[in-house]
C-alpha atoms as a PDB file:
ATOM      1  CA  MET A   1      90.432  30.769  97.616  1.00  0.00           C
ATOM      2  CA  THR A   2      92.746  27.901  98.056  1.00  0.00           C
ATOM      3  CA  LEU A   3      94.088  27.219 101.358  1.00  0.00           C
ATOM      4  CA  ARG A   4      96.782  24.633 102.781  1.00  0.00           C
ATOM      5  CA  VAL A   5      95.470  22.258 105.564  1.00  0.00           C
ATOM      6  CA  VAL A   6      97.114  19.623 107.184  1.00  0.00           C
ATOM      7  CA  LEU A   7      94.839  16.716 108.060  1.00  0.00           C
ATOM      8  CA  GLU A   8      96.655  14.302 110.612  1.00  0.00           C
ATOM      9  CA  TYR A   9      95.667  11.112 112.481  1.00  0.00           C
ATOM     10  CA  ASP A  10      96.436  10.902 115.922  1.00  0.00           C
ATOM     11  CA  GLU A  11      96.462   6.953 117.032  1.00  0.00           C
ATOM     12  CA  VAL A  12      96.724   8.135 120.851  1.00  0.00           C
ATOM     13  CA  VAL A  13      92.874   9.382 120.864  1.00  0.00           C
ATOM     14  CA  ASN A  14      92.148   7.644 117.803  1.00  0.00           C
ATOM     15  CA  SER A  15      90.679  10.548 115.888  1.00  0.00           C
ATOM     16  CA  TRP A  16      91.734  12.879 112.862  1.00  0.00           C
ATOM     17  CA  ALA A  17      92.742  16.578 113.248  1.00  0.00           C
ATOM     18  CA  VAL A  18      93.456  19.532 110.904  1.00  0.00           C
ATOM     19  CA  TYR A  19      94.599  22.811 110.867  1.00  0.00           C
ATOM     20  CA  CYS A  20      95.770  25.568 108.544  1.00  0.00           C
ATOM     21  CA  PRO A  21      99.137  27.058 109.272  1.00  0.00           C
ATOM     22  CA  GLU A  22      97.906  30.286 107.292  1.00  0.00           C
ATOM     23  CA  LEU A  23      95.228  30.721 109.838  1.00  0.00           C
ATOM     24  CA  PRO A  24      96.381  30.119 113.306  1.00  0.00           C
ATOM     25  CA  GLY A  25      93.820  29.123 115.699  1.00  0.00           C
ATOM     26  CA  VAL A  26      91.540  27.801 112.790  1.00  0.00           C
ATOM     27  CA  ASN A  27      91.264  24.160 113.443  1.00  0.00           C
ATOM     28  CA  SER A  28      88.767  20.970 113.871  1.00  0.00           C
ATOM     29  CA  CYS A  29      88.827  17.354 114.484  1.00  0.00           C
ATOM     30  CA  GLY A  30      86.597  14.179 113.470  1.00  0.00           C
ATOM     31  CA  ALA A  31      86.146  10.668 113.771  1.00  0.00           C
ATOM     32  CA  THR A  32      87.185  10.353 110.002  1.00  0.00           C
ATOM     33  CA  ALA A  33      88.992  12.137 107.600  1.00  0.00           C
ATOM     34  CA  GLU A  34      85.842  13.299 105.592  1.00  0.00           C
ATOM     35  CA  GLU A  35      84.078  14.305 108.835  1.00  0.00           C
ATOM     36  CA  THR A  36      87.451  16.239 109.844  1.00  0.00           C
ATOM     37  CA  ALA A  37      87.606  17.915 106.429  1.00  0.00           C
ATOM     38  CA  ALA A  38      83.897  19.112 106.364  1.00  0.00           C
ATOM     39  CA  ASN A  39      84.237  20.176 110.047  1.00  0.00           C
ATOM     40  CA  PHE A  40      87.273  22.344 108.977  1.00  0.00           C
ATOM     41  CA  LYS A  41      85.449  23.878 105.736  1.00  0.00           C
ATOM     42  CA  GLU A  42      82.549  24.877 108.268  1.00  0.00           C
ATOM     43  CA  VAL A  43      84.888  26.674 110.958  1.00  0.00           C
ATOM     44  CA  ALA A  44      86.945  28.274 107.924  1.00  0.00           C
ATOM     45  CA  GLU A  45      83.805  29.701 106.330  1.00  0.00           C
ATOM     46  CA  LEU A  46      82.627  31.084 109.842  1.00  0.00           C
ATOM     47  CA  PHE A  47      86.210  32.873 110.114  1.00  0.00           C
ATOM     48  CA  PHE A  48      85.841  34.612 106.968  1.00  0.00           C
ATOM     49  CA  GLU A  49      82.154  35.495 107.799  1.00  0.00           C
ATOM     50  CA  PRO A  50      81.736  39.253 107.995  1.00  0.00           C
ATOM     51  CA  SER A  51      80.670  40.111 111.779  1.00  0.00           C
ATOM     52  CA  ASP A  52      78.818  43.260 113.262  1.00  0.00           C
ATOM     53  CA  PHE A  53      81.652  44.312 115.623  1.00  0.00           C
ATOM     54  CA  LEU A  54      82.220  48.328 116.089  1.00  0.00           C
ATOM     55  CA  ILE A  55      85.507  49.844 114.232  1.00  0.00           C
ATOM     56  CA  PRO A  56      86.915  52.880 115.727  1.00  0.00           C
ATOM     57  CA  LYS A  57      86.429  56.131 114.030  1.00  0.00           C
ATOM     58  CA  LYS A  58      89.966  56.724 113.147  1.00  0.00           C
ATOM     59  CA  SER A  59      89.995  53.104 111.485  1.00  0.00           C
ATOM     60  CA  LYS A  60      89.511  52.345 107.897  1.00  0.00           C
ATOM     61  CA  VAL A  61      87.923  49.457 106.264  1.00  0.00           C
ATOM     62  CA  LEU A  62      89.754  47.934 102.993  1.00  0.00           C
ATOM     63  CA  GLN A  63      88.541  45.477 100.886  1.00  0.00           C
ATOM     64  CA  MET A  64      90.930  42.766  99.754  1.00  0.00           C
ATOM     65  CA  VAL A  65      90.996  39.629  97.434  1.00  0.00           C
ATOM     66  CA  VAL A  66      93.223  37.008  98.614  1.00  0.00           C
END
């Protein structure tokens, strides 16, 4: 899967930030661009990791490839 991510340097706090417009709330930060990208990769992997939450009985589970 390929995601569009935006990596920005913030001079005020002297650090990097990264976010993905397609995944609201999935973002990260770091001291260097490389560290920030690695942090984001970890966060994105956790976002897509299956969880054990309970699904209501009248719901359907679909498998989709994106």
